[in-house]
Structure formats: C-alpha cells, structure tokens
Amino acid sequence: MRSDPAVTSDPIQPASRLAARPVAGALRTALAVLALVALVVGYDRDVHTGDAVNFFFYFTDLSNLFGAALLLLGGRALLRGRAGVPDLVRGAAVLYLIITGLVYWTLLAGQATAATITWQNDIVHAVMPCALVLDWLLLPPAARLGYGRASRWLVFPVLYLAVSLIRGPLVHWWPYGFLDPRKPGGYMHVTTWSLIVTTVFVVFMALVVLAGNQFSSRRSDSAAGSGDASASPEPSSERNFSTRSA
C-alpha cells in the first residue's frame, strides 16, 4: 500500500513494541483459528439441515471468513517480522464485521432457533467484530487513510445486496428478513431497509477511517518520542512491514 506523501520515513520502533509483536501475532492467529472453527461448525450444522449452499450467501459468514483470513495472514506476518496485509484491506474487514455485529444485535438477535449453536453464534457475531476493532485500534494504520480510498469498502456490500435480491426470487430464499419482499411492505420495505443499512455502512466507514487515523497519529507521536540516538534502525524487512501495514 502506498504511504501518504507526507510520510517519508518510519519512526524507530522502541524495543518494547518489537517485543510485543510475537504476542500480537499469536493472538491474531489464535482468533483466526477460533473463527474458522466456529465457521466449520456452522457449516456442518447447515449441511445437516440442508442449508449448506446458503451458508455462503450470509453476510455474517462471508465477513467472518474474510476477517479470519486477514487475522491469519496478519498474525503470520507479525511472527515473521514481515509486511502484512495492507491497511486498506484490513479496514474493509473491520467495517464488515462491525456491521455484522451491529445488524445482528439490533435486528436479528431475537430470532434464534433450535438450530442455533450459542457459542458459535457468539463468536461470529460478537467476538470477531470486537477482535477486529481492537486489532485496528491497537495496531492502527501506518499511514493516514483517505475517505475516497476507503469508499472502495462499499463495493462488496453493494454487490452482496444486488446478488441477494437477484438470487432470492430464483431460489425463494433471502439471507435476512429485511431483504425478503414477501414480508409486509414488499419491495418498499426492502428498499427502505437497504437504504438504512447502506447509510449505516457509510457512517461506520467514516468512523473506521477517523479512528484509524487518530490512533495512527498517536502511535507515530509515541514512537517518535521514545526514540533516542543510541537506537539503531530496524532491518529493511521490518521497515517495509511498518510502512505498509500492521
């Protein structure tokens, strides 16, 4: 990922920050494995209930697969001291999982059925959203993100909405009730909720960018203040790591 033009070099990282990288890498990896286990258990349940194909058309499952993959890659990068996932891609996962948790706990939490596996449900709707937000704040972007570039995060949700609305009538199934035109209000109801959810995406996209930039600035100021003349520059691979992503 190209850094902001104003960022010409990295502050020298203090030893404490370098020492914390293996811990952060291990935590990322553990969370990724936990999410993947939860997703496999969820898929196994859907196989036995005849809903295996639809598993891949839930925004929850797609966002968790995406988030788990990025945590796994990011954890591996931290453990090896190499460049990780670009911050622009990390931000997309943060946004998608925030919306996953927000929509579930505000609209869908009361719709649990006998097939719901409580611990699995909590991991994909609560643990993973919280984990990605904390990861974003504790290991913020190395360079400031622009809102224009972050707007690319909205492409996937728009495509997901289009596919859901086109596929729904063909298979007589919709992933979420507010996308089902058979509900009272028909397509007017669907349109209204689609606009509401899209607006929420835009608002939280801006908040994710704002939070990332704020914490990135604090991290840079803290690292610059902790450097001293006796500190030696990091190896080139570490410098590449910190300029590109966390």
Foldseek 3Di string as FASTA:
>chain_A
DDFDPVDDFAQFFDPVVLVCLLVLLVVLLVLLVVLVVLLVVVLVLCVVVVNNVCSVLALLSVLSPLLSVQSNQSSVCSNVLFAGDFQLSLLLSLLSLVLQQVCCVVPNVVPDDPSDDVVSVCSSNPVSNVVSLVCCLVFFWLHADDLVSSCVSVPVVVVSLVCQLVVCVVVVDHNDPQCALVPPPGVVSVVVVVVVSSVVSSVVSVVSSVSRNVSSVVVRVVSNVPDDPPDDHDPPRNRNRSNGGD
